Amino acid sequence: MENDRLLGAWLLKSFVYEDVRTGERHEPFGARPSGTILFHADGRFFALMTPGERSVPHSEGEQAAAFQSLIAYSGPYRLEPPNRLVTSVDIAWFEPWVGSEQVRYFTLDGDALDLVSAPLRLPKAGGEETTVFARVSWRREKSAAPPIPPH
């Protein structure tokens, strides 16, 4: 099965926004982000990404900031030739994503997985917007448990 090469858990190594127009790069979750993606044999995908250095929120404002500094979503996924990963989002931290298809383009090299988004529009200070690619790099998590074969 085509999806077999992605099965398992992957740990986040880097998360960068690259401005489509200028090429300027920005690490929204810092130089050492934290996160995991899971590809299950039943065709389900789950992702959680946060800044690597987070503190316990004590105020309502800090709680809101903590929520705004994460990405989490899940849903069935499929691979489309030659290198498209499509997730049909059925639950997400950001409600507008629910019911959407999130498309990423992947490169797999051994235990390294790189995902690149289609161009995304993001708000900037002053009410402006910018268009970026999200570039996310993952490394396969080494597990002591043997893999569970698909049914």
N, C-alpha and C. Protein backbone atom coordinates (compact mmCIF):
# COMPACT_ATOMS: atom_id res chain seq x y z
N MET A 1 0.84 -1.19 0.00
CA MET A 1 0.00 0.00 0.00
C MET A 1 0.88 1.25 0.00
N GLU A 2 0.53 2.22 -0.81
CA GLU A 2 1.29 3.47 -0.95
C GLU A 2 1.48 4.18 0.38
N ASN A 3 0.47 4.18 1.24
CA ASN A 3 0.53 4.91 2.51
C ASN A 3 1.51 4.30 3.50
N ASP A 4 1.93 3.04 3.28
CA ASP A 4 2.79 2.35 4.25
C ASP A 4 4.07 3.11 4.57
N ARG A 5 4.61 3.83 3.62
CA ARG A 5 5.89 4.49 3.87
C ARG A 5 5.78 5.66 4.83
N LEU A 6 4.57 6.13 5.09
CA LEU A 6 4.38 7.22 6.05
C LEU A 6 3.91 6.73 7.42
N LEU A 7 3.51 5.47 7.53
CA LEU A 7 2.93 4.96 8.77
C LEU A 7 3.85 5.18 9.97
N GLY A 8 3.25 5.51 11.10
CA GLY A 8 3.99 5.66 12.33
C GLY A 8 3.96 7.09 12.85
N ALA A 9 4.87 7.34 13.79
CA ALA A 9 4.96 8.64 14.46
C ALA A 9 6.18 9.39 13.95
N TRP A 10 6.01 10.69 13.79
CA TRP A 10 7.07 11.58 13.32
C TRP A 10 7.19 12.75 14.29
N LEU A 11 8.43 13.14 14.59
CA LEU A 11 8.70 14.25 15.52
C LEU A 11 9.11 15.50 14.75
N LEU A 12 8.57 16.63 15.17
CA LEU A 12 8.80 17.91 14.50
C LEU A 12 10.25 18.37 14.70
N LYS A 13 10.88 18.75 13.61
CA LYS A 13 12.24 19.28 13.65
C LYS A 13 12.29 20.76 13.32
N SER A 14 11.48 21.21 12.37
CA SER A 14 11.46 22.63 12.05
C SER A 14 10.12 23.01 11.42
N PHE A 15 9.75 24.28 11.62
CA PHE A 15 8.51 24.84 11.08
C PHE A 15 8.81 26.26 10.67
N VAL A 16 8.73 26.52 9.37
CA VAL A 16 9.12 27.82 8.81
C VAL A 16 8.03 28.31 7.87
N TYR A 17 7.69 29.60 7.99
CA TYR A 17 6.88 30.27 6.97
C TYR A 17 7.85 30.97 6.02
N GLU A 18 7.65 30.79 4.73
CA GLU A 18 8.47 31.46 3.73
C GLU A 18 7.57 32.36 2.88
N ASP A 19 7.86 33.66 2.89
CA ASP A 19 7.06 34.62 2.13
C ASP A 19 7.20 34.32 0.64
N VAL A 20 6.08 34.13 -0.04
CA VAL A 20 6.08 33.77 -1.45
C VAL A 20 6.74 34.87 -2.29
N ARG A 21 6.50 36.12 -1.95
CA ARG A 21 6.99 37.25 -2.74
C ARG A 21 8.46 37.56 -2.47
N THR A 22 8.85 37.60 -1.19
CA THR A 22 10.20 38.06 -0.83
C THR A 22 11.18 36.94 -0.51
N GLY A 23 10.66 35.74 -0.21
CA GLY A 23 11.54 34.65 0.22
C GLY A 23 11.94 34.75 1.68
N GLU A 24 11.50 35.81 2.37
CA GLU A 24 11.82 35.98 3.79
C GLU A 24 11.28 34.79 4.58
N ARG A 25 12.10 34.30 5.53
CA ARG A 25 11.71 33.14 6.33
C ARG A 25 11.49 33.54 7.79
N HIS A 26 10.49 32.90 8.42
CA HIS A 26 10.13 33.21 9.81
C HIS A 26 9.77 31.89 10.50
N GLU A 27 10.28 31.69 11.70
CA GLU A 27 9.97 30.50 12.50
C GLU A 27 8.89 30.86 13.51
N PRO A 28 7.61 30.62 13.21
CA PRO A 28 6.53 31.08 14.10
C PRO A 28 6.55 30.42 15.47
N PHE A 29 7.14 29.23 15.58
CA PHE A 29 7.21 28.53 16.86
C PHE A 29 8.63 28.46 17.39
N GLY A 30 9.51 29.34 16.90
CA GLY A 30 10.88 29.40 17.38
C GLY A 30 11.79 28.37 16.71
N ALA A 31 13.05 28.39 17.14
CA ALA A 31 14.07 27.53 16.53
C ALA A 31 13.94 26.07 16.92
N ARG A 32 13.24 25.78 18.01
CA ARG A 32 13.11 24.39 18.47
C ARG A 32 11.64 24.07 18.77
N PRO A 33 10.81 23.98 17.73
CA PRO A 33 9.39 23.68 17.96
C PRO A 33 9.21 22.25 18.43
N SER A 34 8.03 21.97 18.95
CA SER A 34 7.70 20.64 19.45
C SER A 34 6.45 20.16 18.71
N GLY A 35 6.42 18.88 18.39
CA GLY A 35 5.22 18.37 17.73
C GLY A 35 5.34 16.93 17.31
N THR A 36 4.21 16.37 16.98
CA THR A 36 4.12 14.99 16.51
C THR A 36 3.05 14.90 15.44
N ILE A 37 3.32 14.11 14.42
CA ILE A 37 2.26 13.70 13.51
C ILE A 37 2.22 12.18 13.53
N LEU A 38 1.02 11.67 13.39
CA LEU A 38 0.80 10.22 13.37
C LEU A 38 0.05 9.85 12.10
N PHE A 39 0.56 8.85 11.42
CA PHE A 39 -0.13 8.25 10.28
C PHE A 39 -0.49 6.83 10.69
N HIS A 40 -1.78 6.53 10.79
CA HIS A 40 -2.24 5.22 11.23
C HIS A 40 -2.59 4.37 10.01
N ALA A 41 -2.46 3.05 10.18
CA ALA A 41 -2.74 2.11 9.10
C ALA A 41 -4.18 2.18 8.61
N ASP A 42 -5.10 2.68 9.44
CA ASP A 42 -6.50 2.77 9.01
C ASP A 42 -6.75 4.02 8.16
N GLY A 43 -5.69 4.79 7.87
CA GLY A 43 -5.84 5.96 7.01
C GLY A 43 -6.12 7.25 7.74
N ARG A 44 -5.89 7.29 9.05
CA ARG A 44 -6.13 8.51 9.83
C ARG A 44 -4.81 9.21 10.12
N PHE A 45 -4.88 10.53 10.09
CA PHE A 45 -3.75 11.42 10.34
C PHE A 45 -4.07 12.28 11.55
N PHE A 46 -3.05 12.56 12.38
CA PHE A 46 -3.21 13.49 13.50
C PHE A 46 -1.94 14.32 13.58
N ALA A 47 -2.09 15.62 13.81
CA ALA A 47 -0.94 16.51 13.96
C ALA A 47 -1.13 17.43 15.15
N LEU A 48 -0.05 17.66 15.89
CA LEU A 48 -0.01 18.64 16.98
C LEU A 48 1.35 19.32 16.93
N MET A 49 1.34 20.65 16.86
CA MET A 49 2.58 21.43 16.82
C MET A 49 2.46 22.61 17.77
N THR A 50 3.54 22.86 18.53
CA THR A 50 3.58 23.99 19.47
C THR A 50 5.00 24.57 19.47
N PRO A 51 5.14 25.78 20.02
CA PRO A 51 6.50 26.26 20.26
C PRO A 51 7.20 25.32 21.24
N GLY A 52 8.51 25.19 21.11
CA GLY A 52 9.24 24.29 21.99
C GLY A 52 9.33 24.77 23.42
N GLU A 53 9.28 26.07 23.61
CA GLU A 53 9.42 26.63 24.95
C GLU A 53 8.11 27.29 25.34
N ARG A 54 7.31 26.57 26.08
CA ARG A 54 6.02 27.11 26.55
C ARG A 54 6.02 27.07 28.07
N SER A 55 5.34 28.02 28.67
CA SER A 55 5.22 28.04 30.13
C SER A 55 3.76 27.80 30.50
N VAL A 56 3.54 27.47 31.75
CA VAL A 56 2.18 27.25 32.24
C VAL A 56 1.45 28.59 32.25
N PRO A 57 0.30 28.69 31.56
CA PRO A 57 -0.44 29.95 31.56
C PRO A 57 -1.14 30.18 32.90
N HIS A 58 -1.04 31.41 33.42
CA HIS A 58 -1.65 31.73 34.70
C HIS A 58 -2.84 32.68 34.58
N SER A 59 -2.88 33.46 33.53
CA SER A 59 -3.99 34.40 33.36
C SER A 59 -4.82 34.00 32.15
N GLU A 60 -5.98 34.61 32.04
CA GLU A 60 -6.84 34.35 30.88
C GLU A 60 -6.13 34.74 29.58
N GLY A 61 -5.41 35.85 29.61
CA GLY A 61 -4.67 36.29 28.43
C GLY A 61 -3.58 35.31 28.04
N GLU A 62 -2.88 34.76 29.04
CA GLU A 62 -1.84 33.77 28.77
C GLU A 62 -2.44 32.49 28.22
N GLN A 63 -3.63 32.11 28.72
CA GLN A 63 -4.31 30.92 28.20
C GLN A 63 -4.69 31.12 26.73
N ALA A 64 -5.19 32.30 26.40
CA ALA A 64 -5.55 32.60 25.01
C ALA A 64 -4.31 32.57 24.12
N ALA A 65 -3.21 33.13 24.61
CA ALA A 65 -1.96 33.13 23.84
C ALA A 65 -1.46 31.71 23.63
N ALA A 66 -1.59 30.86 24.65
CA ALA A 66 -1.16 29.46 24.52
C ALA A 66 -1.98 28.75 23.44
N PHE A 67 -3.28 29.00 23.42
CA PHE A 67 -4.14 28.38 22.42
C PHE A 67 -3.78 28.87 21.02
N GLN A 68 -3.45 30.15 20.91
CA GLN A 68 -3.11 30.71 19.60
C GLN A 68 -1.75 30.26 19.10
N SER A 69 -0.94 29.69 19.99
CA SER A 69 0.40 29.26 19.59
C SER A 69 0.46 27.74 19.45
N LEU A 70 -0.56 27.17 18.81
CA LEU A 70 -0.53 25.74 18.53
C LEU A 70 -1.28 25.48 17.24
N ILE A 71 -1.01 24.32 16.67
CA ILE A 71 -1.73 23.81 15.51
C ILE A 71 -2.07 22.37 15.82
N ALA A 72 -3.34 22.00 15.67
CA ALA A 72 -3.77 20.62 15.91
C ALA A 72 -4.95 20.30 15.00
N TYR A 73 -4.83 19.20 14.28
CA TYR A 73 -5.95 18.76 13.45
C TYR A 73 -5.81 17.28 13.13
N SER A 74 -6.93 16.70 12.68
CA SER A 74 -6.95 15.27 12.40
C SER A 74 -8.01 14.98 11.35
N GLY A 75 -7.86 13.83 10.72
CA GLY A 75 -8.85 13.37 9.75
C GLY A 75 -8.26 12.28 8.88
N PRO A 76 -9.09 11.69 8.05
CA PRO A 76 -8.59 10.69 7.11
C PRO A 76 -7.66 11.36 6.09
N TYR A 77 -6.65 10.61 5.66
CA TYR A 77 -5.72 11.16 4.68
C TYR A 77 -5.59 10.21 3.49
N ARG A 78 -5.09 10.79 2.41
CA ARG A 78 -4.79 9.99 1.23
C ARG A 78 -3.56 10.59 0.54
N LEU A 79 -2.86 9.74 -0.19
CA LEU A 79 -1.74 10.20 -1.00
C LEU A 79 -2.17 10.20 -2.45
N GLU A 80 -1.79 11.25 -3.17
CA GLU A 80 -2.09 11.36 -4.59
C GLU A 80 -0.77 11.54 -5.33
N PRO A 81 -0.57 10.79 -6.40
CA PRO A 81 0.69 10.89 -7.15
C PRO A 81 0.92 12.31 -7.67
N PRO A 82 2.16 12.77 -7.76
CA PRO A 82 3.29 11.99 -7.32
C PRO A 82 3.66 12.21 -5.85
N ASN A 83 3.26 13.35 -5.26
CA ASN A 83 3.74 13.65 -3.90
C ASN A 83 2.77 14.51 -3.10
N ARG A 84 1.47 14.32 -3.31
CA ARG A 84 0.46 15.11 -2.58
C ARG A 84 -0.09 14.31 -1.42
N LEU A 85 -0.12 14.95 -0.25
CA LEU A 85 -0.77 14.41 0.95
C LEU A 85 -2.00 15.27 1.19
N VAL A 86 -3.18 14.65 1.19
CA VAL A 86 -4.43 15.38 1.37
C VAL A 86 -5.11 14.87 2.63
N THR A 87 -5.35 15.76 3.59
CA THR A 87 -6.08 15.41 4.81
C THR A 87 -7.46 16.04 4.76
N SER A 88 -8.49 15.22 4.92
CA SER A 88 -9.88 15.70 5.01
C SER A 88 -10.14 15.97 6.48
N VAL A 89 -10.05 17.22 6.88
CA VAL A 89 -10.07 17.59 8.30
C VAL A 89 -11.47 17.41 8.88
N ASP A 90 -11.55 16.58 9.95
CA ASP A 90 -12.84 16.41 10.63
C ASP A 90 -12.83 16.95 12.06
N ILE A 91 -11.66 17.34 12.56
CA ILE A 91 -11.56 18.02 13.86
C ILE A 91 -10.29 18.87 13.83
N ALA A 92 -10.38 20.09 14.40
CA ALA A 92 -9.23 20.99 14.36
C ALA A 92 -9.34 22.02 15.47
N TRP A 93 -8.19 22.55 15.87
CA TRP A 93 -8.15 23.63 16.86
C TRP A 93 -8.73 24.91 16.26
N PHE A 94 -8.73 25.01 14.95
CA PHE A 94 -9.19 26.20 14.22
C PHE A 94 -10.42 25.79 13.41
N GLU A 95 -11.58 26.16 13.91
CA GLU A 95 -12.86 25.67 13.36
C GLU A 95 -13.01 25.84 11.84
N PRO A 96 -12.53 26.92 11.23
CA PRO A 96 -12.68 27.02 9.78
C PRO A 96 -12.01 25.90 8.99
N TRP A 97 -11.05 25.18 9.59
CA TRP A 97 -10.43 24.06 8.88
C TRP A 97 -11.32 22.83 8.84
N VAL A 98 -12.27 22.70 9.78
CA VAL A 98 -13.13 21.51 9.82
C VAL A 98 -13.95 21.48 8.53
N GLY A 99 -13.91 20.32 7.86
CA GLY A 99 -14.59 20.16 6.58
C GLY A 99 -13.73 20.53 5.39
N SER A 100 -12.53 21.06 5.63
CA SER A 100 -11.64 21.43 4.53
C SER A 100 -10.71 20.27 4.18
N GLU A 101 -10.07 20.39 3.04
CA GLU A 101 -8.99 19.48 2.68
C GLU A 101 -7.70 20.27 2.76
N GLN A 102 -6.79 19.81 3.60
CA GLN A 102 -5.48 20.44 3.73
C GLN A 102 -4.50 19.68 2.84
N VAL A 103 -3.90 20.38 1.90
CA VAL A 103 -2.99 19.77 0.93
C VAL A 103 -1.56 20.13 1.29
N ARG A 104 -0.72 19.12 1.34
CA ARG A 104 0.71 19.31 1.54
C ARG A 104 1.44 18.50 0.46
N TYR A 105 2.61 18.97 0.09
CA TYR A 105 3.46 18.26 -0.86
C TYR A 105 4.61 17.68 -0.05
N PHE A 106 4.87 16.39 -0.23
CA PHE A 106 5.85 15.74 0.64
C PHE A 106 7.06 15.23 -0.13
N THR A 107 8.17 15.20 0.61
CA THR A 107 9.39 14.55 0.16
C THR A 107 9.80 13.62 1.29
N LEU A 108 10.00 12.36 0.97
CA LEU A 108 10.38 11.36 1.96
C LEU A 108 11.76 10.83 1.60
N ASP A 109 12.69 10.93 2.55
CA ASP A 109 14.05 10.45 2.35
C ASP A 109 14.45 9.67 3.59
N GLY A 110 14.24 8.34 3.57
CA GLY A 110 14.53 7.51 4.73
C GLY A 110 13.65 7.90 5.89
N ASP A 111 14.27 8.37 6.98
CA ASP A 111 13.53 8.77 8.17
C ASP A 111 13.27 10.27 8.22
N ALA A 112 13.43 10.96 7.11
CA ALA A 112 13.17 12.40 7.03
C ALA A 112 11.95 12.65 6.14
N LEU A 113 11.01 13.42 6.65
CA LEU A 113 9.80 13.77 5.92
C LEU A 113 9.69 15.29 5.90
N ASP A 114 9.60 15.85 4.71
CA ASP A 114 9.42 17.30 4.56
C ASP A 114 8.06 17.55 3.92
N LEU A 115 7.29 18.45 4.53
CA LEU A 115 5.97 18.83 4.02
C LEU A 115 5.99 20.31 3.66
N VAL A 116 5.40 20.65 2.52
CA VAL A 116 5.28 22.04 2.09
C VAL A 116 3.82 22.28 1.73
N SER A 117 3.26 23.35 2.26
CA SER A 117 1.87 23.69 1.98
C SER A 117 1.73 24.34 0.61
N ALA A 118 0.51 24.36 0.12
CA ALA A 118 0.17 25.27 -0.96
C ALA A 118 0.26 26.68 -0.38
N PRO A 119 0.30 27.73 -1.19
CA PRO A 119 0.37 29.08 -0.63
C PRO A 119 -0.78 29.35 0.35
N LEU A 120 -0.43 29.93 1.51
CA LEU A 120 -1.39 30.27 2.56
C LEU A 120 -1.41 31.77 2.76
N ARG A 121 -2.59 32.33 2.99
CA ARG A 121 -2.71 33.76 3.30
C ARG A 121 -2.77 33.91 4.82
N LEU A 122 -1.86 34.75 5.35
CA LEU A 122 -1.79 34.97 6.79
C LEU A 122 -1.94 36.46 7.10
N PRO A 123 -2.60 36.78 8.22
CA PRO A 123 -2.71 38.19 8.61
C PRO A 123 -1.37 38.73 9.09
N LYS A 124 -1.14 40.01 8.82
CA LYS A 124 0.03 40.71 9.32
C LYS A 124 -0.45 41.87 10.18
N ALA A 125 0.48 42.47 10.89
CA ALA A 125 0.16 43.65 11.70
C ALA A 125 -0.40 44.75 10.80
N GLY A 126 -1.34 45.51 11.32
CA GLY A 126 -1.91 46.61 10.57
C GLY A 126 -3.02 46.19 9.62
N GLY A 127 -3.51 44.95 9.77
CA GLY A 127 -4.62 44.49 8.95
C GLY A 127 -4.22 44.00 7.57
N GLU A 128 -2.94 43.99 7.26
CA GLU A 128 -2.48 43.50 5.97
C GLU A 128 -2.42 41.98 5.98
N GLU A 129 -2.22 41.40 4.80
CA GLU A 129 -2.03 39.96 4.67
C GLU A 129 -0.74 39.69 3.91
N THR A 130 -0.22 38.50 4.11
CA THR A 130 0.93 38.04 3.35
C THR A 130 0.64 36.61 2.90
N THR A 131 1.29 36.19 1.84
CA THR A 131 1.13 34.83 1.34
C THR A 131 2.43 34.09 1.57
N VAL A 132 2.34 32.92 2.20
CA VAL A 132 3.52 32.15 2.57
C VAL A 132 3.35 30.68 2.19
N PHE A 133 4.48 29.99 2.12
CA PHE A 133 4.51 28.54 2.13
C PHE A 133 4.86 28.14 3.56
N ALA A 134 4.20 27.13 4.10
CA ALA A 134 4.62 26.53 5.37
C ALA A 134 5.53 25.36 5.02
N ARG A 135 6.73 25.38 5.55
CA ARG A 135 7.71 24.30 5.33
C ARG A 135 7.96 23.63 6.67
N VAL A 136 7.62 22.34 6.74
CA VAL A 136 7.68 21.62 8.02
C VAL A 136 8.50 20.35 7.82
N SER A 137 9.51 20.17 8.67
CA SER A 137 10.39 18.99 8.59
C SER A 137 10.18 18.10 9.80
N TRP A 138 10.15 16.80 9.54
CA TRP A 138 9.89 15.78 10.56
C TRP A 138 10.94 14.69 10.48
N ARG A 139 11.16 14.00 11.59
CA ARG A 139 12.01 12.80 11.63
C ARG A 139 11.20 11.67 12.23
N ARG A 140 11.32 10.49 11.61
CA ARG A 140 10.58 9.33 12.10
C ARG A 140 10.99 9.03 13.54
N GLU A 141 10.00 8.81 14.40
CA GLU A 141 10.27 8.46 15.79
C GLU A 141 10.68 7.00 15.85
N LYS A 142 11.78 6.74 16.51
CA LYS A 142 12.23 5.36 16.70
C LYS A 142 11.48 4.79 17.89
N SER A 143 10.84 3.66 17.71
CA SER A 143 10.02 3.06 18.75
C SER A 143 10.60 1.72 19.16
N ALA A 144 10.49 1.42 20.46
CA ALA A 144 10.93 0.11 20.95
C ALA A 144 9.90 -0.96 20.63
N ALA A 145 8.67 -0.56 20.40
CA ALA A 145 7.61 -1.52 20.10
C ALA A 145 7.64 -1.89 18.63
N PRO A 146 7.37 -3.16 18.31
CA PRO A 146 7.33 -3.55 16.91
C PRO A 146 6.13 -2.91 16.22
N PRO A 147 6.24 -2.63 14.92
CA PRO A 147 5.10 -2.04 14.22
C PRO A 147 3.92 -3.00 14.17
N ILE A 148 2.73 -2.44 14.22
CA ILE A 148 1.51 -3.24 14.12
C ILE A 148 1.15 -3.34 12.65
N PRO A 149 1.10 -4.56 12.11
CA PRO A 149 0.79 -4.68 10.68
C PRO A 149 -0.65 -4.27 10.39
N PRO A 150 -0.89 -3.68 9.19
CA PRO A 150 -2.26 -3.34 8.81
C PRO A 150 -3.08 -4.59 8.61
N HIS A 151 -4.39 -4.48 8.84
CA HIS A 151 -5.28 -5.63 8.67
C HIS A 151 -5.71 -5.78 7.24
